[in-house]
Amino acid sequence: MPDLEQNKASAVAFCQLMFNDCMPREAIERYTGADYIQHNPHVATGKDGFITISNICRKNGRVSASR
């Protein structure tokens, strides 16, 4: 599989875990490198910041999930 196709497959799998399966910790651990950089200035950088904001958004109804 070409790199572009593999990257697309990884992005889709990440979104599946993150949004549809509501598993942000698993998504970020599986599909990002050791040093995750958050570009939103209102969210802490790093994997924990991503997980925290993901959970907050889901609890506040800002992330649609199939469950």
Protein backbone atom coordinates (compact mmCIF):
# COMPACT_ATOMS: atom_id res chain seq x y z
CA MET A 1 0.00 0.00 0.00
CA PRO A 2 1.48 3.42 -0.92
CA ASP A 3 2.30 5.80 1.93
CA LEU A 4 -0.62 8.07 1.03
CA GLU A 5 -3.08 5.21 1.23
CA GLN A 6 -1.59 4.01 4.53
CA ASN A 7 -1.83 7.55 5.94
CA LYS A 8 -5.48 7.76 4.89
CA ALA A 9 -6.23 4.40 6.49
CA SER A 10 -4.52 5.50 9.71
CA ALA A 11 -6.48 8.78 9.78
CA VAL A 12 -9.77 6.92 9.30
CA ALA A 13 -8.86 4.40 12.01
CA PHE A 14 -7.92 7.24 14.39
CA CYS A 15 -11.27 8.96 13.79
CA GLN A 16 -13.13 5.68 14.25
CA LEU A 17 -11.56 5.14 17.68
CA MET A 18 -11.81 8.80 18.68
CA PHE A 19 -15.32 9.73 17.56
CA ASN A 20 -17.31 6.57 16.88
CA ASP A 21 -15.87 4.33 19.58
CA CYS A 22 -15.35 7.21 22.10
CA MET A 23 -11.85 5.99 22.95
CA PRO A 24 -9.59 9.08 22.78
CA ARG A 25 -6.85 7.57 24.97
CA GLU A 26 -6.55 4.52 22.74
CA ALA A 27 -6.63 6.66 19.59
CA ILE A 28 -3.90 9.03 20.73
CA GLU A 29 -1.69 6.23 22.08
CA ARG A 30 -1.99 4.15 18.92
CA TYR A 31 -1.75 6.82 16.23
CA THR A 32 0.49 9.63 17.49
CA GLY A 33 4.14 9.90 18.30
CA ALA A 34 5.66 10.35 21.73
CA ASP A 35 5.50 14.16 21.57
CA TYR A 36 1.97 15.18 20.60
CA ILE A 37 1.80 18.93 19.97
CA GLN A 38 -1.59 20.58 20.47
CA HIS A 39 -1.98 23.65 18.25
CA ASN A 40 -5.09 24.98 19.99
CA PRO A 41 -3.81 27.61 22.46
CA HIS A 42 -6.69 26.84 24.83
CA VAL A 43 -5.76 23.16 25.22
CA ALA A 44 -2.71 21.78 27.01
CA THR A 45 -0.13 20.25 24.71
CA GLY A 46 0.60 16.56 24.99
CA LYS A 47 -1.51 13.44 24.98
CA ASP A 48 -3.19 14.15 28.31
CA GLY A 49 -4.39 17.54 27.07
CA PHE A 50 -5.93 15.90 24.01
CA ILE A 51 -7.67 13.25 26.11
CA THR A 52 -8.95 15.82 28.59
CA ILE A 53 -10.44 18.13 25.96
CA SER A 54 -11.90 15.17 24.07
CA ASN A 55 -13.71 13.97 27.18
CA ILE A 56 -14.93 17.48 28.02
CA CYS A 57 -16.30 17.99 24.50
CA ARG A 58 -18.06 14.64 24.53
CA LYS A 59 -19.64 15.34 27.93
CA ASN A 60 -20.83 18.74 26.67
CA GLY A 61 -22.31 17.27 23.52
CA ARG A 62 -19.71 18.77 21.17
CA VAL A 63 -18.52 15.45 19.83
CA SER A 64 -21.01 13.17 18.16
CA ALA A 65 -20.64 9.51 18.95
CA SER A 66 -22.50 6.48 17.70
CA ARG A 67 -22.89 5.06 21.20
